[in-house]
Amino acid sequence: VDTGRFFAVLLGQGLSIDRLEEERMLVSGKIQQIEFYE
């Protein structure tokens, strides 16, 4: 996802977006790693 100044990357297994509204996202699944890129 693009968050403005950074990209946020969620890595894992069985990831899915359950809800996306008003700049907020709810993700389910096995989140194993989070990375940020400018």
All heavy atoms as atom14 arrays in JSON, in Angstrom:
{
  "sequence": "VDTGRFFAVLLGQGLSIDRLEEERMLVSGKIQQIEFYE",
  "atom14_mask": [
    [1, 1, 1, 1, 1, 1, 1, 0, 0, 0, 0, 0, 0, 0],
    [1, 1, 1, 1, 1, 1, 1, 1, 0, 0, 0, 0, 0, 0],
    [1, 1, 1, 1, 1, 1, 1, 0, 0, 0, 0, 0, 0, 0],
    [1, 1, 1, 1, 0, 0, 0, 0, 0, 0, 0, 0, 0, 0],
    [1, 1, 1, 1, 1, 1, 1, 1, 1, 1, 1, 0, 0, 0],
    [1, 1, 1, 1, 1, 1, 1, 1, 1, 1, 1, 0, 0, 0],
    [1, 1, 1, 1, 1, 1, 1, 1, 1, 1, 1, 0, 0, 0],
    [1, 1, 1, 1, 1, 0, 0, 0, 0, 0, 0, 0, 0, 0],
    [1, 1, 1, 1, 1, 1, 1, 0, 0, 0, 0, 0, 0, 0],
    [1, 1, 1, 1, 1, 1, 1, 1, 0, 0, 0, 0, 0, 0],
    [1, 1, 1, 1, 1, 1, 1, 1, 0, 0, 0, 0, 0, 0],
    [1, 1, 1, 1, 0, 0, 0, 0, 0, 0, 0, 0, 0, 0],
    [1, 1, 1, 1, 1, 1, 1, 1, 1, 0, 0, 0, 0, 0],
    [1, 1, 1, 1, 0, 0, 0, 0, 0, 0, 0, 0, 0, 0],
    [1, 1, 1, 1, 1, 1, 1, 1, 0, 0, 0, 0, 0, 0],
    [1, 1, 1, 1, 1, 1, 0, 0, 0, 0, 0, 0, 0, 0],
    [1, 1, 1, 1, 1, 1, 1, 1, 0, 0, 0, 0, 0, 0],
    [1, 1, 1, 1, 1, 1, 1, 1, 0, 0, 0, 0, 0, 0],
    [1, 1, 1, 1, 1, 1, 1, 1, 1, 1, 1, 0, 0, 0],
    [1, 1, 1, 1, 1, 1, 1, 1, 0, 0, 0, 0, 0, 0],
    [1, 1, 1, 1, 1, 1, 1, 1, 1, 0, 0, 0, 0, 0],
    [1, 1, 1, 1, 1, 1, 1, 1, 1, 0, 0, 0, 0, 0],
    [1, 1, 1, 1, 1, 1, 1, 1, 1, 0, 0, 0, 0, 0],
    [1, 1, 1, 1, 1, 1, 1, 1, 1, 1, 1, 0, 0, 0],
    [1, 1, 1, 1, 1, 1, 1, 1, 0, 0, 0, 0, 0, 0],
    [1, 1, 1, 1, 1, 1, 1, 1, 0, 0, 0, 0, 0, 0],
    [1, 1, 1, 1, 1, 1, 1, 0, 0, 0, 0, 0, 0, 0],
    [1, 1, 1, 1, 1, 1, 0, 0, 0, 0, 0, 0, 0, 0],
    [1, 1, 1, 1, 0, 0, 0, 0, 0, 0, 0, 0, 0, 0],
    [1, 1, 1, 1, 1, 1, 1, 1, 1, 0, 0, 0, 0, 0],
    [1, 1, 1, 1, 1, 1, 1, 1, 0, 0, 0, 0, 0, 0],
    [1, 1, 1, 1, 1, 1, 1, 1, 1, 0, 0, 0, 0, 0],
    [1, 1, 1, 1, 1, 1, 1, 1, 1, 0, 0, 0, 0, 0],
    [1, 1, 1, 1, 1, 1, 1, 1, 0, 0, 0, 0, 0, 0],
    [1, 1, 1, 1, 1, 1, 1, 1, 1, 0, 0, 0, 0, 0],
    [1, 1, 1, 1, 1, 1, 1, 1, 1, 1, 1, 0, 0, 0],
    [1, 1, 1, 1, 1, 1, 1, 1, 1, 1, 1, 1, 0, 0],
    [1, 1, 1, 1, 1, 1, 1, 1, 1, 0, 0, 0, 0, 0]
  ],
  "atom14_positions": [
    [[0.84, -1.2, 0.0], [0.0, 0.0, 0.0], [0.87, 1.25, 0.0], [1.98, 1.26, 0.52], [-0.97, 0.04, 1.21], [-1.93, -1.12, 1.18], [-0.23, 0.07, 2.52], [0.0, 0.0, 0.0], [0.0, 0.0, 0.0], [0.0, 0.0, 0.0], [0.0, 0.0, 0.0], [0.0, 0.0, 0.0], [0.0, 0.0, 0.0], [0.0, 0.0, 0.0]],
    [[0.36, 2.29, -0.62], [0.99, 3.61, -0.61], [0.37, 4.39, 0.54], [-0.85, 4.52, 0.63], [0.71, 4.29, -1.95], [1.36, 5.66, -2.08], [1.86, 6.2, -1.08], [1.36, 6.19, -3.21], [0.0, 0.0, 0.0], [0.0, 0.0, 0.0], [0.0, 0.0, 0.0], [0.0, 0.0, 0.0], [0.0, 0.0, 0.0], [0.0, 0.0, 0.0]],
    [[1.22, 4.9, 1.45], [0.72, 5.65, 2.61], [1.12, 7.12, 2.55], [1.08, 7.81, 3.56], [1.23, 5.04, 3.93], [2.65, 5.17, 3.98], [0.81, 3.59, 4.07], [0.0, 0.0, 0.0], [0.0, 0.0, 0.0], [0.0, 0.0, 0.0], [0.0, 0.0, 0.0], [0.0, 0.0, 0.0], [0.0, 0.0, 0.0], [0.0, 0.0, 0.0]],
    [[1.52, 7.59, 1.39], [1.94, 8.99, 1.26], [3.43, 9.08, 1.07], [3.91, 9.09, -0.05], [0.0, 0.0, 0.0], [0.0, 0.0, 0.0], [0.0, 0.0, 0.0], [0.0, 0.0, 0.0], [0.0, 0.0, 0.0], [0.0, 0.0, 0.0], [0.0, 0.0, 0.0], [0.0, 0.0, 0.0], [0.0, 0.0, 0.0], [0.0, 0.0, 0.0]],
    [[4.19, 9.11, 2.14], [5.65, 9.19, 2.04], [6.31, 7.83, 1.94], [7.47, 7.74, 1.56], [6.22, 9.91, 3.26], [5.96, 11.39, 3.25], [6.63, 12.11, 4.37], [8.05, 11.72, 4.49], [8.74, 11.83, 5.6], [8.18, 12.28, 6.7], [10.01, 11.47, 5.64], [0.0, 0.0, 0.0], [0.0, 0.0, 0.0], [0.0, 0.0, 0.0]],
    [[5.59, 6.78, 2.29], [6.18, 5.44, 2.32], [5.24, 4.43, 1.68], [4.03, 4.61, 1.64], [6.44, 5.0, 3.76], [7.48, 5.8, 4.47], [7.14, 6.92, 5.2], [8.81, 5.44, 4.39], [8.09, 7.67, 5.84], [9.79, 6.18, 5.04], [9.43, 7.3, 5.77], [0.0, 0.0, 0.0], [0.0, 0.0, 0.0], [0.0, 0.0, 0.0]],
    [[5.85, 3.33, 1.21], [5.11, 2.13, 0.85], [5.22, 1.19, 2.03], [6.3, 1.04, 2.61], [5.71, 1.44, -0.38], [5.54, 2.21, -1.64], [6.57, 2.98, -2.14], [4.35, 2.18, -2.33], [6.42, 3.69, -3.31], [4.18, 2.89, -3.5], [5.22, 3.65, -3.99], [0.0, 0.0, 0.0], [0.0, 0.0, 0.0], [0.0, 0.0, 0.0]],
    [[4.13, 0.56, 2.4], [4.13, -0.45, 3.45], [3.84, -1.8, 2.78], [2.9, -1.91, 1.99], [3.08, -0.14, 4.51], [0.0, 0.0, 0.0], [0.0, 0.0, 0.0], [0.0, 0.0, 0.0], [0.0, 0.0, 0.0], [0.0, 0.0, 0.0], [0.0, 0.0, 0.0], [0.0, 0.0, 0.0], [0.0, 0.0, 0.0], [0.0, 0.0, 0.0]],
    [[4.65, -2.79, 3.1], [4.52, -4.12, 2.52], [4.27, -5.11, 3.64], [5.07, -5.22, 4.57], [5.78, -4.53, 1.73], [5.59, -5.89, 1.08], [6.14, -3.47, 0.69], [0.0, 0.0, 0.0], [0.0, 0.0, 0.0], [0.0, 0.0, 0.0], [0.0, 0.0, 0.0], [0.0, 0.0, 0.0], [0.0, 0.0, 0.0], [0.0, 0.0, 0.0]],
    [[3.17, -5.82, 3.57], [2.86, -6.88, 4.53], [3.12, -8.2, 3.82], [2.57, -8.44, 2.74], [1.41, -6.82, 4.99], [1.07, -5.73, 6.0], [0.98, -4.38, 5.32], [-0.21, -6.04, 6.71], [0.0, 0.0, 0.0], [0.0, 0.0, 0.0], [0.0, 0.0, 0.0], [0.0, 0.0, 0.0], [0.0, 0.0, 0.0], [0.0, 0.0, 0.0]],
    [[3.95, -9.04, 4.41], [4.3, -10.34, 3.85], [3.79, -11.43, 4.78], [3.85, -11.28, 6.0], [5.81, -10.46, 3.69], [6.47, -9.41, 2.8], [7.98, -9.42, 2.98], [6.11, -9.63, 1.36], [0.0, 0.0, 0.0], [0.0, 0.0, 0.0], [0.0, 0.0, 0.0], [0.0, 0.0, 0.0], [0.0, 0.0, 0.0], [0.0, 0.0, 0.0]],
    [[3.29, -12.52, 4.2], [2.8, -13.61, 5.04], [2.13, -14.69, 4.23], [2.45, -14.9, 3.06], [0.0, 0.0, 0.0], [0.0, 0.0, 0.0], [0.0, 0.0, 0.0], [0.0, 0.0, 0.0], [0.0, 0.0, 0.0], [0.0, 0.0, 0.0], [0.0, 0.0, 0.0], [0.0, 0.0, 0.0], [0.0, 0.0, 0.0], [0.0, 0.0, 0.0]],
    [[1.17, -15.34, 4.84], [0.44, -16.43, 4.2], [-1.06, -16.23, 4.38], [-1.5, -15.85, 5.46], [0.85, -17.77, 4.81], [2.3, -18.1, 4.63], [2.69, -19.36, 5.39], [1.91, -19.9, 6.17], [3.9, -19.83, 5.17], [0.0, 0.0, 0.0], [0.0, 0.0, 0.0], [0.0, 0.0, 0.0], [0.0, 0.0, 0.0], [0.0, 0.0, 0.0]],
    [[-1.81, -16.48, 3.33], [-3.26, -16.38, 3.4], [-3.76, -14.97, 3.7], [-4.78, -14.81, 4.38], [0.0, 0.0, 0.0], [0.0, 0.0, 0.0], [0.0, 0.0, 0.0], [0.0, 0.0, 0.0], [0.0, 0.0, 0.0], [0.0, 0.0, 0.0], [0.0, 0.0, 0.0], [0.0, 0.0, 0.0], [0.0, 0.0, 0.0], [0.0, 0.0, 0.0]],
    [[-3.05, -13.95, 3.22], [-3.44, -12.57, 3.49], [-4.65, -12.17, 2.67], [-4.76, -12.51, 1.49], [-2.28, -11.62, 3.19], [-0.99, -11.84, 3.96], [0.08, -10.84, 3.52], [-1.23, -11.75, 5.46], [0.0, 0.0, 0.0], [0.0, 0.0, 0.0], [0.0, 0.0, 0.0], [0.0, 0.0, 0.0], [0.0, 0.0, 0.0], [0.0, 0.0, 0.0]],
    [[-5.55, -11.45, 3.28], [-6.71, -10.91, 2.56], [-7.14, -9.6, 3.22], [-6.92, -9.4, 4.41], [-7.88, -11.9, 2.54], [-8.35, -12.12, 3.85], [0.0, 0.0, 0.0], [0.0, 0.0, 0.0], [0.0, 0.0, 0.0], [0.0, 0.0, 0.0], [0.0, 0.0, 0.0], [0.0, 0.0, 0.0], [0.0, 0.0, 0.0], [0.0, 0.0, 0.0]],
    [[-7.75, -8.75, 2.42], [-8.25, -7.47, 2.93], [-9.72, -7.68, 3.3], [-10.54, -8.0, 2.45], [-8.11, -6.36, 1.88], [-6.63, -6.15, 1.55], [-8.75, -5.06, 2.38], [-6.38, -5.2, 0.41], [0.0, 0.0, 0.0], [0.0, 0.0, 0.0], [0.0, 0.0, 0.0], [0.0, 0.0, 0.0], [0.0, 0.0, 0.0], [0.0, 0.0, 0.0]],
    [[-10.02, -7.54, 4.57], [-11.39, -7.73, 5.04], [-12.21, -6.46, 4.94], [-13.42, -6.51, 4.74], [-11.39, -8.21, 6.5], [-10.82, -9.61, 6.63], [-10.74, -10.34, 5.62], [-10.42, -9.98, 7.76], [0.0, 0.0, 0.0], [0.0, 0.0, 0.0], [0.0, 0.0, 0.0], [0.0, 0.0, 0.0], [0.0, 0.0, 0.0], [0.0, 0.0, 0.0]],
    [[-11.55, -5.31, 5.09], [-12.28, -4.04, 5.05], [-11.32, -2.93, 4.63], [-10.17, -2.9, 5.06], [-12.87, -3.73, 6.41], [-13.6, -2.41, 6.47], [-14.25, -2.21, 7.79], [-15.52, -2.93, 7.73], [-16.32, -3.1, 8.76], [-15.99, -2.64, 9.93], [-17.46, -3.74, 8.64], [0.0, 0.0, 0.0], [0.0, 0.0, 0.0], [0.0, 0.0, 0.0]],
    [[-11.79, -2.01, 3.8], [-11.01, -0.86, 3.38], [-11.95, 0.34, 3.33], [-12.87, 0.37, 2.53], [-10.38, -1.1, 2.01], [-9.58, 0.04, 1.41], [-8.37, 0.38, 2.27], [-9.13, -0.32, 0.0], [0.0, 0.0, 0.0], [0.0, 0.0, 0.0], [0.0, 0.0, 0.0], [0.0, 0.0, 0.0], [0.0, 0.0, 0.0], [0.0, 0.0, 0.0]],
    [[-11.71, 1.3, 4.23], [-12.55, 2.49, 4.26], [-11.83, 3.63, 4.96], [-11.08, 3.42, 5.91], [-13.88, 2.21, 4.95], [-13.77, 1.74, 6.37], [-15.09, 1.33, 6.98], [-15.95, 0.77, 6.25], [-15.27, 1.56, 8.17], [0.0, 0.0, 0.0], [0.0, 0.0, 0.0], [0.0, 0.0, 0.0], [0.0, 0.0, 0.0], [0.0, 0.0, 0.0]],
    [[-12.01, 4.83, 4.46], [-11.47, 6.05, 5.06], [-10.01, 5.93, 5.47], [-9.64, 6.19, 6.6], [-12.34, 6.47, 6.25], [-13.75, 6.81, 5.84], [-14.6, 7.26, 7.01], [-14.03, 7.62, 8.06], [-15.83, 7.26, 6.87], [0.0, 0.0, 0.0], [0.0, 0.0, 0.0], [0.0, 0.0, 0.0], [0.0, 0.0, 0.0], [0.0, 0.0, 0.0]],
    [[-9.16, 5.51, 4.54], [-7.72, 5.4, 4.73], [-7.31, 4.38, 5.79], [-6.21, 4.42, 6.31], [-7.08, 6.77, 5.01], [-7.2, 7.72, 3.85], [-6.38, 8.98, 4.03], [-5.73, 9.15, 5.08], [-6.39, 9.8, 3.12], [0.0, 0.0, 0.0], [0.0, 0.0, 0.0], [0.0, 0.0, 0.0], [0.0, 0.0, 0.0], [0.0, 0.0, 0.0]],
    [[-8.17, 3.44, 6.09], [-7.87, 2.38, 7.05], [-8.2, 1.03, 6.41], [-9.24, 0.88, 5.77], [-8.67, 2.55, 8.32], [-8.46, 1.42, 9.32], [-9.08, 1.72, 10.62], [-8.14, 2.55, 11.35], [-8.3, 2.94, 12.6], [-9.37, 2.59, 13.26], [-7.4, 3.68, 13.21], [0.0, 0.0, 0.0], [0.0, 0.0, 0.0], [0.0, 0.0, 0.0]],
    [[-7.31, 0.06, 6.6], [-7.47, -1.25, 6.0], [-7.32, -2.31, 7.07], [-6.41, -2.26, 7.9], [-6.39, -1.43, 4.92], [-6.39, -2.76, 4.24], [-5.19, -2.83, 2.88], [-3.65, -2.79, 3.78], [0.0, 0.0, 0.0], [0.0, 0.0, 0.0], [0.0, 0.0, 0.0], [0.0, 0.0, 0.0], [0.0, 0.0, 0.0], [0.0, 0.0, 0.0]],
    [[-8.22, -3.28, 7.06], [-8.18, -4.41, 7.98], [-7.73, -5.64, 7.19], [-8.37, -6.0, 6.19], [-9.55, -4.65, 8.61], [-9.68, -5.79, 9.58], [-8.84, -5.53, 10.82], [-11.14, -6.0, 9.97], [0.0, 0.0, 0.0], [0.0, 0.0, 0.0], [0.0, 0.0, 0.0], [0.0, 0.0, 0.0], [0.0, 0.0, 0.0], [0.0, 0.0, 0.0]],
    [[-6.63, -6.25, 7.62], [-6.04, -7.39, 6.92], [-6.1, -8.61, 7.84], [-5.84, -8.5, 9.04], [-4.56, -7.1, 6.56], [-3.91, -8.31, 5.92], [-4.47, -5.89, 5.64], [0.0, 0.0, 0.0], [0.0, 0.0, 0.0], [0.0, 0.0, 0.0], [0.0, 0.0, 0.0], [0.0, 0.0, 0.0], [0.0, 0.0, 0.0], [0.0, 0.0, 0.0]],
    [[-6.44, -9.76, 7.25], [-6.39, -11.0, 8.03], [-5.45, -11.97, 7.35], [-5.16, -11.86, 6.16], [-7.79, -11.61, 8.18], [-8.3, -11.98, 6.93], [0.0, 0.0, 0.0], [0.0, 0.0, 0.0], [0.0, 0.0, 0.0], [0.0, 0.0, 0.0], [0.0, 0.0, 0.0], [0.0, 0.0, 0.0], [0.0, 0.0, 0.0], [0.0, 0.0, 0.0]],
    [[-4.96, -12.93, 8.11], [-4.02, -13.92, 7.62], [-2.81, -13.97, 8.54], [-2.75, -13.29, 9.56], [0.0, 0.0, 0.0], [0.0, 0.0, 0.0], [0.0, 0.0, 0.0], [0.0, 0.0, 0.0], [0.0, 0.0, 0.0], [0.0, 0.0, 0.0], [0.0, 0.0, 0.0], [0.0, 0.0, 0.0], [0.0, 0.0, 0.0], [0.0, 0.0, 0.0]],
    [[-1.83, -14.77, 8.16], [-0.61, -14.91, 8.96], [0.4, -13.86, 8.5], [1.08, -14.04, 7.49], [-0.05, -16.32, 8.8], [1.15, -16.59, 9.69], [1.6, -18.04, 9.55], [2.78, -18.28, 10.49], [3.25, -19.66, 10.32], [0.0, 0.0, 0.0], [0.0, 0.0, 0.0], [0.0, 0.0, 0.0], [0.0, 0.0, 0.0], [0.0, 0.0, 0.0]],
    [[0.49, -12.74, 9.23], [1.42, -11.67, 8.88], [2.77, -12.02, 9.5], [2.92, -12.09, 10.72], [0.92, -10.31, 9.4], [-0.44, -9.98, 8.76], [1.94, -9.21, 9.11], [-1.14, -8.78, 9.37], [0.0, 0.0, 0.0], [0.0, 0.0, 0.0], [0.0, 0.0, 0.0], [0.0, 0.0, 0.0], [0.0, 0.0, 0.0], [0.0, 0.0, 0.0]],
    [[3.77, -12.25, 8.64], [5.08, -12.7, 9.09], [6.13, -11.59, 9.08], [7.11, -11.66, 9.81], [5.56, -13.86, 8.22], [4.66, -15.07, 8.34], [5.0, -16.13, 7.33], [5.13, -15.84, 6.15], [5.13, -17.36, 7.78], [0.0, 0.0, 0.0], [0.0, 0.0, 0.0], [0.0, 0.0, 0.0], [0.0, 0.0, 0.0], [0.0, 0.0, 0.0]],
    [[5.92, -10.59, 8.22], [6.94, -9.55, 8.08], [6.29, -8.27, 7.57], [5.34, -8.32, 6.79], [8.0, -10.03, 7.09], [9.19, -9.14, 6.95], [10.24, -9.8, 6.06], [10.28, -11.01, 5.88], [11.1, -8.98, 5.49], [0.0, 0.0, 0.0], [0.0, 0.0, 0.0], [0.0, 0.0, 0.0], [0.0, 0.0, 0.0], [0.0, 0.0, 0.0]],
    [[6.82, -7.13, 8.01], [6.37, -5.83, 7.53], [7.6, -5.05, 7.08], [8.6, -5.0, 7.8], [5.63, -5.05, 8.63], [4.4, -5.82, 9.09], [5.22, -3.66, 8.13], [3.73, -5.26, 10.32], [0.0, 0.0, 0.0], [0.0, 0.0, 0.0], [0.0, 0.0, 0.0], [0.0, 0.0, 0.0], [0.0, 0.0, 0.0], [0.0, 0.0, 0.0]],
    [[7.53, -4.48, 5.88], [8.64, -3.7, 5.34], [8.13, -2.32, 4.94], [6.96, -2.16, 4.57], [9.24, -4.39, 4.11], [9.81, -5.76, 4.4], [10.29, -6.49, 3.15], [10.07, -5.99, 2.02], [10.88, -7.56, 3.3], [0.0, 0.0, 0.0], [0.0, 0.0, 0.0], [0.0, 0.0, 0.0], [0.0, 0.0, 0.0], [0.0, 0.0, 0.0]],
    [[9.02, -1.33, 5.01], [8.69, 0.03, 4.61], [9.71, 0.51, 3.59], [10.91, 0.27, 3.75], [8.7, 0.98, 5.81], [7.72, 0.61, 6.87], [8.12, -0.09, 8.0], [6.37, 0.93, 6.74], [7.22, -0.43, 8.98], [5.46, 0.58, 7.72], [5.89, -0.11, 8.84], [0.0, 0.0, 0.0], [0.0, 0.0, 0.0], [0.0, 0.0, 0.0]],
    [[9.24, 1.18, 2.55], [10.1, 1.75, 1.52], [9.69, 3.2, 1.32], [8.51, 3.5, 1.2], [9.95, 0.98, 0.2], [10.37, -0.46, 0.33], [9.44, -1.45, 0.57], [11.71, -0.81, 0.22], [9.82, -2.78, 0.7], [12.1, -2.14, 0.35], [11.15, -3.11, 0.59], [11.54, -4.42, 0.73], [0.0, 0.0, 0.0], [0.0, 0.0, 0.0]],
    [[10.68, 4.06, 1.26], [10.38, 5.48, 1.04], [9.9, 5.67, -0.39], [10.44, 5.09, -1.33], [11.62, 6.33, 1.3], [11.28, 7.78, 1.45], [12.39, 8.58, 2.08], [13.43, 8.01, 2.44], [12.2, 9.79, 2.22], [0.0, 0.0, 0.0], [0.0, 0.0, 0.0], [0.0, 0.0, 0.0], [0.0, 0.0, 0.0], [0.0, 0.0, 0.0]]
  ]
}
